[in-house]
Amino acid sequence: MSMNQPIASAVSTGRCRIGAKSSIDALKKMEAKLVVVASNCPPDQYDDIRRYAAMSGTKIYEIKGTSWELGEIVGKPFMVSAIAVIEPGDSKILEMV
């Protein structure tokens, strides 16, 4: 099953932080319930996401697409390397990972 629709739904109906830096910030504040990461997320940012996710007990889901594709999924005209889901809204994304 594709995760595209649940990701888009979480962004449109819930509360999410878009971008690797914002996602890392949400992890540091222990706000994130899930972090979705693009397959080509910069290694230094991915390492930080992994480190802070491990400290906070937050799951990470890596999509098979690039940051351009993740940006397209969430309706942004730019690259998005990571998204932190704070509140999933109507999305069932937390149950799917």
PDB file of N, CA and C in Angstrom:
ATOM      1  N   MET A   1       0.840  -1.187   0.000  1.00  0.00           N
ATOM      2  CA  MET A   1       0.000   0.000   0.000  1.00  0.00           C
ATOM      3  C   MET A   1       0.882   1.247   0.000  1.00  0.00           C
ATOM      4  N   SER A   2       0.499   2.206  -0.792  1.00  0.00           N
ATOM      5  CA  SER A   2       1.258   3.451  -0.902  1.00  0.00           C
ATOM      6  C   SER A   2       1.028   4.335   0.324  1.00  0.00           C
ATOM      7  N   MET A   3       2.077   4.972   0.760  1.00  0.00           N
ATOM      8  CA  MET A   3       1.982   5.889   1.905  1.00  0.00           C
ATOM      9  C   MET A   3       1.720   7.319   1.449  1.00  0.00           C
ATOM     10  N   ASN A   4       1.636   7.557   0.142  1.00  0.00           N
ATOM     11  CA  ASN A   4       1.466   8.921  -0.362  1.00  0.00           C
ATOM     12  C   ASN A   4       0.214   9.596   0.178  1.00  0.00           C
ATOM     13  N   GLN A   5      -0.928   8.901   0.105  1.00  0.00           N
ATOM     14  CA  GLN A   5      -2.180   9.511   0.554  1.00  0.00           C
ATOM     15  C   GLN A   5      -2.168   9.779   2.067  1.00  0.00           C
ATOM     16  N   PRO A   6      -1.744   8.831   2.912  1.00  0.00           N
ATOM     17  CA  PRO A   6      -1.692   9.131   4.348  1.00  0.00           C
ATOM     18  C   PRO A   6      -0.747  10.291   4.697  1.00  0.00           C
ATOM     19  N   ILE A   7       0.371  10.403   3.979  1.00  0.00           N
ATOM     20  CA  ILE A   7       1.300  11.513   4.222  1.00  0.00           C
ATOM     21  C   ILE A   7       0.630  12.829   3.854  1.00  0.00           C
ATOM     22  N   ALA A   8       0.023  12.881   2.658  1.00  0.00           N
ATOM     23  CA  ALA A   8      -0.664  14.099   2.212  1.00  0.00           C
ATOM     24  C   ALA A   8      -1.799  14.466   3.161  1.00  0.00           C
ATOM     25  N   SER A   9      -2.535  13.470   3.635  1.00  0.00           N
ATOM     26  CA  SER A   9      -3.642  13.711   4.556  1.00  0.00           C
ATOM     27  C   SER A   9      -3.146  14.263   5.892  1.00  0.00           C
ATOM     28  N   ALA A  10      -2.040  13.726   6.395  1.00  0.00           N
ATOM     29  CA  ALA A  10      -1.478  14.225   7.656  1.00  0.00           C
ATOM     30  C   ALA A  10      -1.066  15.688   7.535  1.00  0.00           C
ATOM     31  N   VAL A  11      -0.498  16.053   6.397  1.00  0.00           N
ATOM     32  CA  VAL A  11      -0.062  17.437   6.188  1.00  0.00           C
ATOM     33  C   VAL A  11      -1.260  18.369   6.037  1.00  0.00           C
ATOM     34  N   SER A  12      -2.293  17.909   5.319  1.00  0.00           N
ATOM     35  CA  SER A  12      -3.432  18.796   5.058  1.00  0.00           C
ATOM     36  C   SER A  12      -4.429  18.879   6.216  1.00  0.00           C
ATOM     37  N   THR A  13      -4.589  17.810   7.003  1.00  0.00           N
ATOM     38  CA  THR A  13      -5.595  17.830   8.074  1.00  0.00           C
ATOM     39  C   THR A  13      -5.005  17.865   9.474  1.00  0.00           C
ATOM     40  N   GLY A  14      -3.715  17.591   9.587  1.00  0.00           N
ATOM     41  CA  GLY A  14      -3.078  17.555  10.906  1.00  0.00           C
ATOM     42  C   GLY A  14      -2.087  18.684  11.092  1.00  0.00           C
ATOM     43  N   ARG A  15      -1.152  18.464  12.001  1.00  0.00           N
ATOM     44  CA  ARG A  15      -0.066  19.426  12.232  1.00  0.00           C
ATOM     45  C   ARG A  15       1.247  18.733  11.912  1.00  0.00           C
ATOM     46  N   CYS A  16       1.994  19.306  10.995  1.00  0.00           N
ATOM     47  CA  CYS A  16       3.279  18.742  10.595  1.00  0.00           C
ATOM     48  C   CYS A  16       4.311  19.848  10.483  1.00  0.00           C
ATOM     49  N   ARG A  17       5.562  19.481  10.677  1.00  0.00           N
ATOM     50  CA  ARG A  17       6.684  20.394  10.451  1.00  0.00           C
ATOM     51  C   ARG A  17       7.363  19.908   9.181  1.00  0.00           C
ATOM     52  N   ILE A  18       7.501  20.793   8.206  1.00  0.00           N
ATOM     53  CA  ILE A  18       8.063  20.426   6.911  1.00  0.00           C
ATOM     54  C   ILE A  18       9.509  20.889   6.818  1.00  0.00           C
ATOM     55  N   GLY A  19      10.378  19.955   6.427  1.00  0.00           N
ATOM     56  CA  GLY A  19      11.803  20.228   6.282  1.00  0.00           C
ATOM     57  C   GLY A  19      12.606  19.502   7.346  1.00  0.00           C
ATOM     58  N   ALA A  20      13.840  19.181   7.008  1.00  0.00           N
ATOM     59  CA  ALA A  20      14.693  18.427   7.931  1.00  0.00           C
ATOM     60  C   ALA A  20      15.000  19.225   9.196  1.00  0.00           C
ATOM     61  N   LYS A  21      15.328  20.504   9.051  1.00  0.00           N
ATOM     62  CA  LYS A  21      15.664  21.310  10.233  1.00  0.00           C
ATOM     63  C   LYS A  21      14.474  21.447  11.167  1.00  0.00           C
ATOM     64  N   SER A  22      13.286  21.679  10.612  1.00  0.00           N
ATOM     65  CA  SER A  22      12.080  21.783  11.430  1.00  0.00           C
ATOM     66  C   SER A  22      11.745  20.445  12.074  1.00  0.00           C
ATOM     67  N   SER A  23      11.985  19.360  11.348  1.00  0.00           N
ATOM     68  CA  SER A  23      11.727  18.026  11.888  1.00  0.00           C
ATOM     69  C   SER A  23      12.671  17.719  13.049  1.00  0.00           C
ATOM     70  N   ILE A  24      13.936  18.086  12.898  1.00  0.00           N
ATOM     71  CA  ILE A  24      14.911  17.881  13.979  1.00  0.00           C
ATOM     72  C   ILE A  24      14.510  18.703  15.193  1.00  0.00           C
ATOM     73  N   ASP A  25      14.063  19.932  14.964  1.00  0.00           N
ATOM     74  CA  ASP A  25      13.607  20.781  16.061  1.00  0.00           C
ATOM     75  C   ASP A  25      12.417  20.141  16.786  1.00  0.00           C
ATOM     76  N   ALA A  26      11.467  19.584  16.022  1.00  0.00           N
ATOM     77  CA  ALA A  26      10.299  18.915  16.622  1.00  0.00           C
ATOM     78  C   ALA A  26      10.726  17.685  17.419  1.00  0.00           C
ATOM     79  N   LEU A  27      11.745  16.973  16.925  1.00  0.00           N
ATOM     80  CA  LEU A  27      12.260  15.815  17.664  1.00  0.00           C
ATOM     81  C   LEU A  27      12.929  16.246  18.968  1.00  0.00           C
ATOM     82  N   LYS A  28      13.700  17.319  18.907  1.00  0.00           N
ATOM     83  CA  LYS A  28      14.369  17.822  20.117  1.00  0.00           C
ATOM     84  C   LYS A  28      13.361  18.224  21.181  1.00  0.00           C
ATOM     85  N   LYS A  29      12.230  18.788  20.746  1.00  0.00           N
ATOM     86  CA  LYS A  29      11.182  19.230  21.677  1.00  0.00           C
ATOM     87  C   LYS A  29      10.228  18.096  22.042  1.00  0.00           C
ATOM     88  N   MET A  30      10.485  16.909  21.489  1.00  0.00           N
ATOM     89  CA  MET A  30       9.657  15.714  21.708  1.00  0.00           C
ATOM     90  C   MET A  30       8.201  15.934  21.298  1.00  0.00           C
ATOM     91  N   GLU A  31       8.003  16.678  20.211  1.00  0.00           N
ATOM     92  CA  GLU A  31       6.664  16.933  19.678  1.00  0.00           C
ATOM     93  C   GLU A  31       6.282  15.910  18.608  1.00  0.00           C
ATOM     94  N   ALA A  32       7.270  15.408  17.883  1.00  0.00           N
ATOM     95  CA  ALA A  32       7.006  14.548  16.726  1.00  0.00           C
ATOM     96  C   ALA A  32       6.569  13.153  17.158  1.00  0.00           C
ATOM     97  N   LYS A  33       5.562  12.636  16.440  1.00  0.00           N
ATOM     98  CA  LYS A  33       5.105  11.265  16.663  1.00  0.00           C
ATOM     99  C   LYS A  33       5.661  10.332  15.596  1.00  0.00           C
ATOM    100  N   LEU A  34       6.058  10.921  14.458  1.00  0.00           N
ATOM    101  CA  LEU A  34       6.622  10.174  13.335  1.00  0.00           C
ATOM    102  C   LEU A  34       7.391  11.146  12.466  1.00  0.00           C
ATOM    103  N   VAL A  35       8.495  10.672  11.890  1.00  0.00           N
ATOM    104  CA  VAL A  35       9.229  11.486  10.917  1.00  0.00           C
ATOM    105  C   VAL A  35       9.289  10.700   9.612  1.00  0.00           C
ATOM    106  N   VAL A  36       8.845  11.335   8.536  1.00  0.00           N
ATOM    107  CA  VAL A  36       8.908  10.753   7.199  1.00  0.00           C
ATOM    108  C   VAL A  36      10.112  11.375   6.507  1.00  0.00           C
ATOM    109  N   VAL A  37      10.996  10.525   5.983  1.00  0.00           N
ATOM    110  CA  VAL A  37      12.248  11.003   5.400  1.00  0.00           C
ATOM    111  C   VAL A  37      12.344  10.541   3.944  1.00  0.00           C
ATOM    112  N   ALA A  38      12.783  11.427   3.073  1.00  0.00           N
ATOM    113  CA  ALA A  38      13.000  11.081   1.665  1.00  0.00           C
ATOM    114  C   ALA A  38      14.254  10.225   1.539  1.00  0.00           C
ATOM    115  N   SER A  39      14.309   9.427   0.488  1.00  0.00           N
ATOM    116  CA  SER A  39      15.436   8.509   0.310  1.00  0.00           C
ATOM    117  C   SER A  39      16.759   9.238   0.082  1.00  0.00           C
ATOM    118  N   ASN A  40      16.705  10.485  -0.383  1.00  0.00           N
ATOM    119  CA  ASN A  40      17.945  11.220  -0.634  1.00  0.00           C
ATOM    120  C   ASN A  40      18.167  12.349   0.377  1.00  0.00           C
ATOM    121  N   CYS A  41      17.618  12.193   1.566  1.00  0.00           N
ATOM    122  CA  CYS A  41      17.852  13.177   2.628  1.00  0.00           C
ATOM    123  C   CYS A  41      19.363  13.270   2.873  1.00  0.00           C
ATOM    124  N   PRO A  42      19.911  14.481   3.016  1.00  0.00           N
ATOM    125  CA  PRO A  42      21.353  14.612   3.253  1.00  0.00           C
ATOM    126  C   PRO A  42      21.794  13.784   4.466  1.00  0.00           C
ATOM    127  N   PRO A  43      22.902  13.051   4.321  1.00  0.00           N
ATOM    128  CA  PRO A  43      23.343  12.142   5.381  1.00  0.00           C
ATOM    129  C   PRO A  43      23.520  12.797   6.754  1.00  0.00           C
ATOM    130  N   ASP A  44      24.041  14.011   6.803  1.00  0.00           N
ATOM    131  CA  ASP A  44      24.235  14.656   8.105  1.00  0.00           C
ATOM    132  C   ASP A  44      22.889  14.953   8.778  1.00  0.00           C
ATOM    133  N   GLN A  45      21.903  15.355   7.992  1.00  0.00           N
ATOM    134  CA  GLN A  45      20.577  15.614   8.554  1.00  0.00           C
ATOM    135  C   GLN A  45      19.894  14.308   8.947  1.00  0.00           C
ATOM    136  N   TYR A  46      20.053  13.271   8.132  1.00  0.00           N
ATOM    137  CA  TYR A  46      19.457  11.974   8.449  1.00  0.00           C
ATOM    138  C   TYR A  46      20.070  11.415   9.738  1.00  0.00           C
ATOM    139  N   ASP A  47      21.363  11.596   9.916  1.00  0.00           N
ATOM    140  CA  ASP A  47      22.022  11.147  11.154  1.00  0.00           C
ATOM    141  C   ASP A  47      21.432  11.866  12.364  1.00  0.00           C
ATOM    142  N   ASP A  48      21.226  13.181  12.249  1.00  0.00           N
ATOM    143  CA  ASP A  48      20.617  13.942  13.347  1.00  0.00           C
ATOM    144  C   ASP A  48      19.194  13.471  13.619  1.00  0.00           C
ATOM    145  N   ILE A  49      18.424  13.229  12.557  1.00  0.00           N
ATOM    146  CA  ILE A  49      17.053  12.737  12.725  1.00  0.00           C
ATOM    147  C   ILE A  49      17.068  11.400  13.442  1.00  0.00           C
ATOM    148  N   ARG A  50      17.954  10.489  13.020  1.00  0.00           N
ATOM    149  CA  ARG A  50      18.043   9.174  13.682  1.00  0.00           C
ATOM    150  C   ARG A  50      18.414   9.309  15.149  1.00  0.00           C
ATOM    151  N   ARG A  51      19.376  10.172  15.440  1.00  0.00           N
ATOM    152  CA  ARG A  51      19.841  10.349  16.822  1.00  0.00           C
ATOM    153  C   ARG A  51      18.721  10.868  17.719  1.00  0.00           C
ATOM    154  N   TYR A  52      18.064  11.945  17.291  1.00  0.00           N
ATOM    155  CA  TYR A  52      17.012  12.539  18.119  1.00  0.00           C
ATOM    156  C   TYR A  52      15.757  11.667  18.163  1.00  0.00           C
ATOM    157  N   ALA A  53      15.495  10.923  17.100  1.00  0.00           N
ATOM    158  CA  ALA A  53      14.351  10.001  17.103  1.00  0.00           C
ATOM    159  C   ALA A  53      14.598   8.868  18.106  1.00  0.00           C
ATOM    160  N   ALA A  54      15.832   8.392  18.164  1.00  0.00           N
ATOM    161  CA  ALA A  54      16.159   7.337  19.131  1.00  0.00           C
ATOM    162  C   ALA A  54      16.010   7.849  20.561  1.00  0.00           C
ATOM    163  N   MET A  55      16.429   9.084  20.805  1.00  0.00           N
ATOM    164  CA  MET A  55      16.318   9.662  22.155  1.00  0.00           C
ATOM    165  C   MET A  55      14.871   9.853  22.578  1.00  0.00           C
ATOM    166  N   SER A  56      14.022  10.207  21.616  1.00  0.00           N
ATOM    167  CA  SER A  56      12.632  10.501  21.964  1.00  0.00           C
ATOM    168  C   SER A  56      11.696   9.309  21.732  1.00  0.00           C
ATOM    169  N   GLY A  57      12.211   8.222  21.166  1.00  0.00           N
ATOM    170  CA  GLY A  57      11.385   7.047  20.903  1.00  0.00           C
ATOM    171  C   GLY A  57      10.427   7.243  19.745  1.00  0.00           C
ATOM    172  N   THR A  58      10.791   8.094  18.804  1.00  0.00           N
ATOM    173  CA  THR A  58       9.943   8.414  17.648  1.00  0.00           C
ATOM    174  C   THR A  58      10.312   7.517  16.473  1.00  0.00           C
ATOM    175  N   LYS A  59       9.293   7.030  15.776  1.00  0.00           N
ATOM    176  CA  LYS A  59       9.527   6.192  14.597  1.00  0.00           C
ATOM    177  C   LYS A  59       9.941   7.047  13.406  1.00  0.00           C
ATOM    178  N   ILE A  60      10.732   6.428  12.515  1.00  0.00           N
ATOM    179  CA  ILE A  60      11.138   7.059  11.262  1.00  0.00           C
ATOM    180  C   ILE A  60      10.627   6.170  10.132  1.00  0.00           C
ATOM    181  N   TYR A  61      10.033   6.793   9.131  1.00  0.00           N
ATOM    182  CA  TYR A  61       9.600   6.056   7.948  1.00  0.00           C
ATOM    183  C   TYR A  61      10.300   6.669   6.739  1.00  0.00           C
ATOM    184  N   GLU A  62      11.081   5.861   6.026  1.00  0.00           N
ATOM    185  CA  GLU A  62      11.777   6.355   4.833  1.00  0.00           C
ATOM    186  C   GLU A  62      10.969   5.982   3.598  1.00  0.00           C
ATOM    187  N   ILE A  63      10.537   7.004   2.857  1.00  0.00           N
ATOM    188  CA  ILE A  63       9.815   6.721   1.615  1.00  0.00           C
ATOM    189  C   ILE A  63      10.827   6.346   0.543  1.00  0.00           C
ATOM    190  N   LYS A  64      10.351   5.687  -0.486  1.00  0.00           N
ATOM    191  CA  LYS A  64      11.243   5.264  -1.561  1.00  0.00           C
ATOM    192  C   LYS A  64      11.545   6.403  -2.528  1.00  0.00           C
ATOM    193  N   GLY A  65      10.774   7.480  -2.449  1.00  0.00           N
ATOM    194  CA  GLY A  65      10.944   8.598  -3.363  1.00  0.00           C
ATOM    195  C   GLY A  65      11.977   9.611  -2.903  1.00  0.00           C
ATOM    196  N   THR A  66      12.300  10.515  -3.814  1.00  0.00           N
ATOM    197  CA  THR A  66      13.269  11.572  -3.538  1.00  0.00           C
ATOM    198  C   THR A  66      12.591  12.736  -2.816  1.00  0.00           C
ATOM    199  N   SER A  67      13.391  13.722  -2.460  1.00  0.00           N
ATOM    200  CA  SER A  67      12.846  14.904  -1.789  1.00  0.00           C
ATOM    201  C   SER A  67      11.940  15.702  -2.738  1.00  0.00           C
ATOM    202  N   TRP A  68      12.198  15.644  -4.044  1.00  0.00           N
ATOM    203  CA  TRP A  68      11.283  16.287  -5.001  1.00  0.00           C
ATOM    204  C   TRP A  68       9.927  15.596  -4.945  1.00  0.00           C
ATOM    205  N   GLU A  69       9.941  14.266  -4.893  1.00  0.00           N
ATOM    206  CA  GLU A  69       8.685  13.509  -4.858  1.00  0.00           C
ATOM    207  C   GLU A  69       7.946  13.724  -3.537  1.00  0.00           C
ATOM    208  N   LEU A  70       8.667  13.811  -2.425  1.00  0.00           N
ATOM    209  CA  LEU A  70       8.024  14.074  -1.134  1.00  0.00           C
ATOM    210  C   LEU A  70       7.394  15.462  -1.144  1.00  0.00           C
ATOM    211  N   GLY A  71       8.080  16.433  -1.721  1.00  0.00           N
ATOM    212  CA  GLY A  71       7.511  17.767  -1.861  1.00  0.00           C
ATOM    213  C   GLY A  71       6.236  17.747  -2.680  1.00  0.00           C
ATOM    214  N   GLU A  72       6.234  16.965  -3.742  1.00  0.00           N
ATOM    215  CA  GLU A  72       5.047  16.842  -4.591  1.00  0.00           C
ATOM    216  C   GLU A  72       3.889  16.184  -3.830  1.00  0.00           C
ATOM    217  N   ILE A  73       4.191  15.172  -3.037  1.00  0.00           N
ATOM    218  CA  ILE A  73       3.166  14.469  -2.254  1.00  0.00           C
ATOM    219  C   ILE A  73       2.429  15.438  -1.330  1.00  0.00           C
ATOM    220  N   VAL A  74       3.180  16.350  -0.715  1.00  0.00           N
ATOM    221  CA  VAL A  74       2.567  17.274   0.250  1.00  0.00           C
ATOM    222  C   VAL A  74       2.138  18.592  -0.390  1.00  0.00           C
ATOM    223  N   GLY A  75       2.230  18.668  -1.714  1.00  0.00           N
ATOM    224  CA  GLY A  75       1.731  19.841  -2.427  1.00  0.00           C
ATOM    225  C   GLY A  75       2.632  21.060  -2.359  1.00  0.00           C
ATOM    226  N   LYS A  76       3.915  20.849  -2.198  1.00  0.00           N
ATOM    227  CA  LYS A  76       4.871  21.959  -2.159  1.00  0.00           C
ATOM    228  C   LYS A  76       5.674  21.983  -3.459  1.00  0.00           C
ATOM    229  N   PRO A  77       5.960  23.175  -3.995  1.00  0.00           N
ATOM    230  CA  PRO A  77       6.715  23.268  -5.247  1.00  0.00           C
ATOM    231  C   PRO A  77       8.228  23.284  -5.021  1.00  0.00           C
ATOM    232  N   PHE A  78       8.679  22.604  -4.003  1.00  0.00           N
ATOM    233  CA  PHE A  78      10.111  22.555  -3.698  1.00  0.00           C
ATOM    234  C   PHE A  78      10.454  21.221  -3.045  1.00  0.00           C
ATOM    235  N   MET A  79      11.747  20.961  -2.903  1.00  0.00           N
ATOM    236  CA  MET A  79      12.203  19.711  -2.308  1.00  0.00           C
ATOM    237  C   MET A  79      11.905  19.712  -0.809  1.00  0.00           C
ATOM    238  N   VAL A  80      11.439  18.557  -0.313  1.00  0.00           N
ATOM    239  CA  VAL A  80      11.182  18.372   1.115  1.00  0.00           C
ATOM    240  C   VAL A  80      11.887  17.088   1.515  1.00  0.00           C
ATOM    241  N   SER A  81      12.916  17.196   2.346  1.00  0.00           N
ATOM    242  CA  SER A  81      13.677  16.004   2.706  1.00  0.00           C
ATOM    243  C   SER A  81      13.116  15.274   3.913  1.00  0.00           C
ATOM    244  N   ALA A  82      12.313  15.956   4.736  1.00  0.00           N
ATOM    245  CA  ALA A  82      11.731  15.298   5.904  1.00  0.00           C
ATOM    246  C   ALA A  82      10.473  16.034   6.353  1.00  0.00           C
ATOM    247  N   ILE A  83       9.582  15.281   6.984  1.00  0.00           N
ATOM    248  CA  ILE A  83       8.359  15.838   7.553  1.00  0.00           C
ATOM    249  C   ILE A  83       8.169  15.210   8.927  1.00  0.00           C
ATOM    250  N   ALA A  84       7.950  16.042   9.928  1.00  0.00           N
ATOM    251  CA  ALA A  84       7.638  15.547  11.269  1.00  0.00           C
ATOM    252  C   ALA A  84       6.130  15.648  11.468  1.00  0.00           C
ATOM    253  N   VAL A  85       5.503  14.529  11.791  1.00  0.00           N
ATOM    254  CA  VAL A  85       4.068  14.514  12.059  1.00  0.00           C
ATOM    255  C   VAL A  85       3.872  14.791  13.550  1.00  0.00           C
ATOM    256  N   ILE A  86       3.248  15.922  13.857  1.00  0.00           N
ATOM    257  CA  ILE A  86       2.965  16.300  15.245  1.00  0.00           C
ATOM    258  C   ILE A  86       1.587  15.747  15.634  1.00  0.00           C
ATOM    259  N   GLU A  87       0.586  16.047  14.821  1.00  0.00           N
ATOM    260  CA  GLU A  87      -0.776  15.527  14.978  1.00  0.00           C
ATOM    261  C   GLU A  87      -1.196  14.996  13.612  1.00  0.00           C
ATOM    262  N   PRO A  88      -1.642  13.744  13.515  1.00  0.00           N
ATOM    263  CA  PRO A  88      -1.962  13.173  12.209  1.00  0.00           C
ATOM    264  C   PRO A  88      -3.269  13.653  11.592  1.00  0.00           C
ATOM    265  N   GLY A  89      -4.106  14.346  12.333  1.00  0.00           N
ATOM    266  CA  GLY A  89      -5.390  14.792  11.783  1.00  0.00           C
ATOM    267  C   GLY A  89      -6.246  13.598  11.412  1.00  0.00           C
ATOM    268  N   ASP A  90      -6.821  13.612  10.207  1.00  0.00           N
ATOM    269  CA  ASP A  90      -7.675  12.516   9.737  1.00  0.00           C
ATOM    270  C   ASP A  90      -6.875  11.354   9.163  1.00  0.00           C
ATOM    271  N   SER A  91      -5.564  11.485   9.075  1.00  0.00           N
ATOM    272  CA  SER A  91      -4.705  10.462   8.497  1.00  0.00           C
ATOM    273  C   SER A  91      -4.540   9.269   9.436  1.00  0.00           C
ATOM    274  N   LYS A  92      -4.410   8.100   8.859  1.00  0.00           N
ATOM    275  CA  LYS A  92      -4.166   6.870   9.627  1.00  0.00           C
ATOM    276  C   LYS A  92      -2.682   6.495   9.584  1.00  0.00           C
ATOM    277  N   ILE A  93      -1.830   7.479   9.319  1.00  0.00           N
ATOM    278  CA  ILE A  93      -0.405   7.220   9.095  1.00  0.00           C
ATOM    279  C   ILE A  93       0.280   6.576  10.299  1.00  0.00           C
ATOM    280  N   LEU A  94      -0.091   6.960  11.512  1.00  0.00           N
ATOM    281  CA  LEU A  94       0.572   6.394  12.693  1.00  0.00           C
ATOM    282  C   LEU A  94       0.239   4.920  12.863  1.00  0.00           C
ATOM    283  N   GLU A  95      -0.916   4.497  12.392  1.00  0.00           N
ATOM    284  CA  GLU A  95      -1.304   3.088  12.478  1.00  0.00           C
ATOM    285  C   GLU A  95      -0.647   2.253  11.386  1.00  0.00           C
ATOM    286  N   MET A  96      -0.146   2.900  10.340  1.00  0.00           N
ATOM    287  CA  MET A  96       0.385   2.191   9.186  1.00  0.00           C
ATOM    288  C   MET A  96       1.884   1.904   9.279  1.00  0.00           C
ATOM    289  N   VAL A  97       2.570   2.586  10.175  1.00  0.00           N
ATOM    290  CA  VAL A  97       4.027   2.362  10.290  1.00  0.00           C
ATOM    291  C   VAL A  97       4.380   1.606  11.538  1.00  0.00           C
TER     292      VAL A  97
END
